[in-house]
Amino acid sequence: MRHEIIRLDTRVIYLEDTVQQMNLIMMEQDRTIGKLSRMVSELEEKLRELDERKANREGGDHNSRPPHY
């Protein structure tokens, strides 16, 4: 009986350690996901700005030459 309690106690300790390690990993992943989400939002905004600039250039005088001519 005593041996069984020690075995179970040991398993609980290992499981608690595993849960703690998984918690740390999940917290790091949450930070990474937040950072990546912000980066995606910034990139989407930059793409919108580039699309607007392109549309404004295309909407201008079609007969004028580009600046390098």
N, C-alpha and C. Protein backbone atom coordinates (compact mmCIF):
# COMPACT_ATOMS: atom_id res chain seq x y z
N MET A 1 0.83 -1.20 0.00
CA MET A 1 0.00 0.00 0.00
C MET A 1 0.87 1.26 0.00
N ARG A 2 1.85 1.27 0.86
CA ARG A 2 2.75 2.43 0.94
C ARG A 2 3.48 2.64 -0.38
N HIS A 3 3.92 1.54 -0.97
CA HIS A 3 4.62 1.61 -2.25
C HIS A 3 3.72 2.22 -3.33
N GLU A 4 2.47 1.86 -3.34
CA GLU A 4 1.49 2.39 -4.31
C GLU A 4 1.31 3.90 -4.12
N ILE A 5 1.25 4.36 -2.89
CA ILE A 5 1.10 5.80 -2.61
C ILE A 5 2.31 6.56 -3.11
N ILE A 6 3.49 6.02 -2.86
CA ILE A 6 4.72 6.67 -3.33
C ILE A 6 4.74 6.72 -4.85
N ARG A 7 4.35 5.65 -5.50
CA ARG A 7 4.31 5.60 -6.97
C ARG A 7 3.33 6.63 -7.51
N LEU A 8 2.15 6.70 -6.92
CA LEU A 8 1.15 7.67 -7.37
C LEU A 8 1.62 9.10 -7.12
N ASP A 9 2.24 9.32 -5.98
CA ASP A 9 2.75 10.65 -5.65
C ASP A 9 3.82 11.07 -6.67
N THR A 10 4.67 10.15 -7.03
CA THR A 10 5.70 10.42 -8.03
C THR A 10 5.08 10.77 -9.38
N ARG A 11 4.07 10.03 -9.76
CA ARG A 11 3.39 10.32 -11.04
C ARG A 11 2.74 11.70 -11.01
N VAL A 12 2.14 12.05 -9.89
CA VAL A 12 1.50 13.36 -9.76
C VAL A 12 2.55 14.47 -9.89
N ILE A 13 3.70 14.28 -9.30
CA ILE A 13 4.77 15.28 -9.39
C ILE A 13 5.21 15.46 -10.83
N TYR A 14 5.41 14.35 -11.54
CA TYR A 14 5.79 14.44 -12.95
C TYR A 14 4.69 15.11 -13.79
N LEU A 15 3.46 14.78 -13.52
CA LEU A 15 2.35 15.39 -14.26
C LEU A 15 2.26 16.89 -13.98
N GLU A 16 2.46 17.28 -12.73
CA GLU A 16 2.43 18.71 -12.40
C GLU A 16 3.56 19.44 -13.12
N ASP A 17 4.72 18.82 -13.19
CA ASP A 17 5.85 19.43 -13.90
C ASP A 17 5.53 19.57 -15.39
N THR A 18 4.95 18.53 -15.96
CA THR A 18 4.57 18.57 -17.37
C THR A 18 3.55 19.67 -17.64
N VAL A 19 2.57 19.79 -16.78
CA VAL A 19 1.56 20.84 -16.93
C VAL A 19 2.20 22.22 -16.85
N GLN A 20 3.13 22.40 -15.93
CA GLN A 20 3.82 23.68 -15.79
C GLN A 20 4.63 24.00 -17.05
N GLN A 21 5.34 23.02 -17.57
CA GLN A 21 6.11 23.22 -18.80
C GLN A 21 5.20 23.57 -19.97
N MET A 22 4.08 22.87 -20.08
CA MET A 22 3.13 23.16 -21.15
C MET A 22 2.54 24.56 -20.99
N ASN A 23 2.29 24.98 -19.77
CA ASN A 23 1.77 26.32 -19.52
C ASN A 23 2.76 27.37 -19.98
N LEU A 24 4.04 27.17 -19.70
CA LEU A 24 5.06 28.12 -20.14
C LEU A 24 5.13 28.18 -21.67
N ILE A 25 5.04 27.03 -22.30
CA ILE A 25 5.06 26.97 -23.76
C ILE A 25 3.85 27.70 -24.33
N MET A 26 2.69 27.48 -23.74
CA MET A 26 1.47 28.13 -24.23
C MET A 26 1.54 29.64 -24.06
N MET A 27 2.12 30.10 -22.96
CA MET A 27 2.25 31.55 -22.76
C MET A 27 3.17 32.15 -23.81
N GLU A 28 4.26 31.46 -24.13
CA GLU A 28 5.18 31.94 -25.17
C GLU A 28 4.50 31.94 -26.53
N GLN A 29 3.74 30.90 -26.81
CA GLN A 29 3.01 30.83 -28.08
C GLN A 29 1.99 31.96 -28.17
N ASP A 30 1.33 32.27 -27.07
CA ASP A 30 0.36 33.36 -27.05
C ASP A 30 1.03 34.69 -27.37
N ARG A 31 2.22 34.92 -26.80
CA ARG A 31 2.97 36.14 -27.11
C ARG A 31 3.35 36.17 -28.58
N THR A 32 3.80 35.04 -29.09
CA THR A 32 4.20 34.97 -30.50
C THR A 32 3.01 35.21 -31.42
N ILE A 33 1.88 34.61 -31.10
CA ILE A 33 0.67 34.81 -31.91
C ILE A 33 0.25 36.27 -31.89
N GLY A 34 0.31 36.91 -30.73
CA GLY A 34 -0.02 38.33 -30.64
C GLY A 34 0.90 39.17 -31.49
N LYS A 35 2.20 38.88 -31.43
CA LYS A 35 3.18 39.63 -32.23
C LYS A 35 2.91 39.42 -33.72
N LEU A 36 2.68 38.17 -34.12
CA LEU A 36 2.41 37.89 -35.53
C LEU A 36 1.11 38.53 -36.01
N SER A 37 0.11 38.57 -35.16
CA SER A 37 -1.16 39.21 -35.51
C SER A 37 -0.95 40.70 -35.75
N ARG A 38 -0.17 41.34 -34.89
CA ARG A 38 0.12 42.77 -35.08
C ARG A 38 0.89 42.98 -36.38
N MET A 39 1.85 42.10 -36.67
CA MET A 39 2.62 42.23 -37.91
C MET A 39 1.72 42.07 -39.14
N VAL A 40 0.82 41.12 -39.10
CA VAL A 40 -0.10 40.92 -40.23
C VAL A 40 -0.98 42.16 -40.41
N SER A 41 -1.47 42.72 -39.32
CA SER A 41 -2.30 43.93 -39.40
C SER A 41 -1.52 45.08 -40.03
N GLU A 42 -0.26 45.23 -39.61
CA GLU A 42 0.57 46.30 -40.17
C GLU A 42 0.82 46.07 -41.66
N LEU A 43 1.07 44.83 -42.05
CA LEU A 43 1.29 44.53 -43.46
C LEU A 43 0.03 44.75 -44.28
N GLU A 44 -1.12 44.40 -43.73
CA GLU A 44 -2.38 44.65 -44.44
C GLU A 44 -2.57 46.15 -44.65
N GLU A 45 -2.26 46.94 -43.65
CA GLU A 45 -2.39 48.40 -43.77
C GLU A 45 -1.43 48.93 -44.84
N LYS A 46 -0.21 48.44 -44.85
CA LYS A 46 0.75 48.88 -45.87
C LYS A 46 0.29 48.50 -47.26
N LEU A 47 -0.28 47.30 -47.40
CA LEU A 47 -0.79 46.89 -48.71
C LEU A 47 -1.94 47.78 -49.17
N ARG A 48 -2.83 48.13 -48.23
CA ARG A 48 -3.92 49.04 -48.57
C ARG A 48 -3.38 50.39 -49.04
N GLU A 49 -2.37 50.89 -48.34
CA GLU A 49 -1.77 52.17 -48.72
C GLU A 49 -1.14 52.08 -50.10
N LEU A 50 -0.44 50.98 -50.37
CA LEU A 50 0.17 50.80 -51.69
C LEU A 50 -0.90 50.70 -52.78
N ASP A 51 -1.98 49.98 -52.49
CA ASP A 51 -3.08 49.89 -53.46
C ASP A 51 -3.68 51.26 -53.74
N GLU A 52 -3.84 52.08 -52.69
CA GLU A 52 -4.38 53.42 -52.87
C GLU A 52 -3.44 54.28 -53.71
N ARG A 53 -2.15 54.20 -53.44
CA ARG A 53 -1.17 54.97 -54.22
C ARG A 53 -1.21 54.53 -55.69
N LYS A 54 -1.27 53.24 -55.91
CA LYS A 54 -1.32 52.71 -57.27
C LYS A 54 -2.58 53.20 -57.98
N ALA A 55 -3.71 53.13 -57.27
CA ALA A 55 -4.98 53.58 -57.87
C ALA A 55 -4.92 55.07 -58.18
N ASN A 56 -4.31 55.86 -57.32
CA ASN A 56 -4.19 57.30 -57.56
C ASN A 56 -3.29 57.58 -58.75
N ARG A 57 -2.22 56.83 -58.91
CA ARG A 57 -1.33 57.02 -60.07
C ARG A 57 -2.04 56.61 -61.35
N GLU A 58 -2.77 55.51 -61.32
CA GLU A 58 -3.47 55.04 -62.51
C GLU A 58 -4.64 55.94 -62.85
N GLY A 59 -5.18 56.60 -61.86
CA GLY A 59 -6.32 57.48 -62.09
C GLY A 59 -5.91 58.84 -62.62
N GLY A 60 -4.62 59.12 -62.67
CA GLY A 60 -4.11 60.41 -63.14
C GLY A 60 -4.16 60.51 -64.65
N ASP A 61 -3.39 61.41 -65.19
CA ASP A 61 -3.33 61.65 -66.63
C ASP A 61 -2.67 60.46 -67.32
N HIS A 62 -3.44 59.75 -68.14
CA HIS A 62 -2.92 58.55 -68.81
C HIS A 62 -1.99 58.90 -69.97
N ASN A 63 -2.03 60.13 -70.46
CA ASN A 63 -1.21 60.53 -71.59
C ASN A 63 0.15 61.04 -71.16
N SER A 64 0.34 61.29 -69.89
CA SER A 64 1.62 61.81 -69.44
C SER A 64 2.61 60.67 -69.32
N ARG A 65 3.87 61.01 -69.56
CA ARG A 65 4.93 60.01 -69.47
C ARG A 65 5.37 59.86 -68.04
N PRO A 66 5.85 58.66 -67.69
CA PRO A 66 6.41 58.46 -66.34
C PRO A 66 7.62 59.36 -66.14
N PRO A 67 8.02 59.65 -64.93
CA PRO A 67 9.11 60.59 -64.65
C PRO A 67 10.44 60.20 -65.28
N HIS A 68 10.67 58.95 -65.58
CA HIS A 68 11.98 58.56 -66.13
C HIS A 68 12.13 58.83 -67.61
N TYR A 69 11.09 59.33 -68.30
CA TYR A 69 11.19 59.64 -69.72
C TYR A 69 11.72 61.00 -69.95
